Amino acid sequence: MIENNGPCQHITCDDCGDELADFHRTEFWSMLADGKERQWTFEQDDRGLWEHFCPTCRPKEGRLQRARRMFGL
């Protein structure tokens, strides 16, 4: 999840609670780029909400791969 703390914000892993460094609110895209460089993943769930995972907790397969496996494709 993305947590706002005054003028700063940071990304928190939705599974374990691990956090990335704070970024100013005007640096949203830099914050996401930093997370991707650190091997974090960001996925939209079935309700359209974003999920954020650190490298330790990130799903081993993508949503498309999970759907194909579930439906035997």
C-alpha atoms as a PDB file:
ATOM      1  CA  MET A   1       0.000   0.000   0.000  1.00  0.00           C
ATOM      2  CA  ILE A   2       1.064   3.589  -0.441  1.00  0.00           C
ATOM      3  CA  GLU A   3       0.993   5.447   2.859  1.00  0.00           C
ATOM      4  CA  ASN A   4       0.930   9.230   3.139  1.00  0.00           C
ATOM      5  CA  ASN A   5       2.649  10.898   6.064  1.00  0.00           C
ATOM      6  CA  GLY A   6       2.335  14.664   5.796  1.00  0.00           C
ATOM      7  CA  PRO A   7       4.291  15.845   2.752  1.00  0.00           C
ATOM      8  CA  CYS A   8       5.928  12.415   2.358  1.00  0.00           C
ATOM      9  CA  GLN A   9       4.731   9.008   1.180  1.00  0.00           C
ATOM     10  CA  HIS A  10       6.178   5.508   1.027  1.00  0.00           C
ATOM     11  CA  ILE A  11       5.306   2.044  -0.233  1.00  0.00           C
ATOM     12  CA  THR A  12       4.548  -0.724   2.270  1.00  0.00           C
ATOM     13  CA  CYS A  13       4.432  -4.442   1.401  1.00  0.00           C
ATOM     14  CA  ASP A  14       0.852  -5.683   1.665  1.00  0.00           C
ATOM     15  CA  ASP A  15       2.046  -9.041   3.049  1.00  0.00           C
ATOM     16  CA  CYS A  16       4.855  -8.403   5.546  1.00  0.00           C
ATOM     17  CA  GLY A  17       4.729  -4.629   6.141  1.00  0.00           C
ATOM     18  CA  ASP A  18       8.278  -3.941   4.896  1.00  0.00           C
ATOM     19  CA  GLU A  19       8.669  -0.298   3.820  1.00  0.00           C
ATOM     20  CA  LEU A  20      10.642   1.611   1.206  1.00  0.00           C
ATOM     21  CA  ALA A  21      12.168   5.018   1.928  1.00  0.00           C
ATOM     22  CA  ASP A  22      10.004   8.143   2.102  1.00  0.00           C
ATOM     23  CA  PHE A  23       9.533  10.282  -0.998  1.00  0.00           C
ATOM     24  CA  HIS A  24       7.954  13.707  -1.250  1.00  0.00           C
ATOM     25  CA  ARG A  25       4.399  13.619  -2.634  1.00  0.00           C
ATOM     26  CA  THR A  26       5.585  15.340  -5.813  1.00  0.00           C
ATOM     27  CA  GLU A  27       7.950  12.401  -6.471  1.00  0.00           C
ATOM     28  CA  PHE A  28       5.299   9.702  -6.922  1.00  0.00           C
ATOM     29  CA  TRP A  29       6.746   8.322 -10.173  1.00  0.00           C
ATOM     30  CA  SER A  30      10.270   8.339  -8.733  1.00  0.00           C
ATOM     31  CA  MET A  31       8.970   6.349  -5.762  1.00  0.00           C
ATOM     32  CA  LEU A  32       7.472   3.706  -8.073  1.00  0.00           C
ATOM     33  CA  ALA A  33      10.648   3.559 -10.177  1.00  0.00           C
ATOM     34  CA  ASP A  34      12.710   3.069  -7.006  1.00  0.00           C
ATOM     35  CA  GLY A  35      10.439   0.205  -5.949  1.00  0.00           C
ATOM     36  CA  LYS A  36      10.751  -1.490  -9.338  1.00  0.00           C
ATOM     37  CA  GLU A  37      14.549  -1.114  -9.252  1.00  0.00           C
ATOM     38  CA  ARG A  38      14.474  -2.862  -5.870  1.00  0.00           C
ATOM     39  CA  GLN A  39      12.436  -5.751  -7.368  1.00  0.00           C
ATOM     40  CA  TRP A  40       9.101  -4.809  -5.789  1.00  0.00           C
ATOM     41  CA  THR A  41       5.957  -5.686  -7.754  1.00  0.00           C
ATOM     42  CA  PHE A  42       2.733  -3.729  -8.111  1.00  0.00           C
ATOM     43  CA  GLU A  43      -0.413  -5.543  -9.286  1.00  0.00           C
ATOM     44  CA  GLN A  44      -4.073  -4.660  -9.587  1.00  0.00           C
ATOM     45  CA  ASP A  45      -6.413  -7.126  -7.914  1.00  0.00           C
ATOM     46  CA  ASP A  46      -9.838  -8.214  -9.185  1.00  0.00           C
ATOM     47  CA  ARG A  47     -11.491  -5.185  -7.550  1.00  0.00           C
ATOM     48  CA  GLY A  48      -9.126  -2.731  -9.266  1.00  0.00           C
ATOM     49  CA  LEU A  49      -7.147  -2.003  -6.102  1.00  0.00           C
ATOM     50  CA  TRP A  50      -3.349  -1.988  -6.203  1.00  0.00           C
ATOM     51  CA  GLU A  51      -1.284  -4.495  -4.240  1.00  0.00           C
ATOM     52  CA  HIS A  52       2.387  -3.899  -3.432  1.00  0.00           C
ATOM     53  CA  PHE A  53       4.842  -6.727  -2.703  1.00  0.00           C
ATOM     54  CA  CYS A  54       8.483  -6.698  -1.580  1.00  0.00           C
ATOM     55  CA  PRO A  55      10.907  -9.127  -3.294  1.00  0.00           C
ATOM     56  CA  THR A  56      10.454 -11.694  -0.507  1.00  0.00           C
ATOM     57  CA  CYS A  57       6.644 -11.723  -0.644  1.00  0.00           C
ATOM     58  CA  ARG A  58       5.970 -11.084  -4.322  1.00  0.00           C
ATOM     59  CA  PRO A  59       3.917 -13.722  -6.135  1.00  0.00           C
ATOM     60  CA  LYS A  60       6.025 -16.241  -8.025  1.00  0.00           C
ATOM     61  CA  GLU A  61       3.775 -16.003 -11.084  1.00  0.00           C
ATOM     62  CA  GLY A  62       1.771 -13.187 -12.646  1.00  0.00           C
ATOM     63  CA  ARG A  63      -2.002 -12.844 -12.672  1.00  0.00           C
ATOM     64  CA  LEU A  64      -2.268 -14.099 -16.260  1.00  0.00           C
ATOM     65  CA  GLN A  65      -0.215 -17.195 -15.437  1.00  0.00           C
ATOM     66  CA  ARG A  66      -2.368 -17.875 -12.339  1.00  0.00           C
ATOM     67  CA  ALA A  67      -5.578 -17.537 -14.391  1.00  0.00           C
ATOM     68  CA  ARG A  68      -4.282 -19.883 -17.086  1.00  0.00           C
ATOM     69  CA  ARG A  69      -3.277 -22.465 -14.478  1.00  0.00           C
ATOM     70  CA  MET A  70      -6.641 -22.158 -12.732  1.00  0.00           C
ATOM     71  CA  PHE A  71      -8.570 -22.721 -15.975  1.00  0.00           C
ATOM     72  CA  GLY A  72      -6.188 -25.369 -17.320  1.00  0.00           C
ATOM     73  CA  LEU A  73      -4.942 -23.333 -20.266  1.00  0.00           C
END
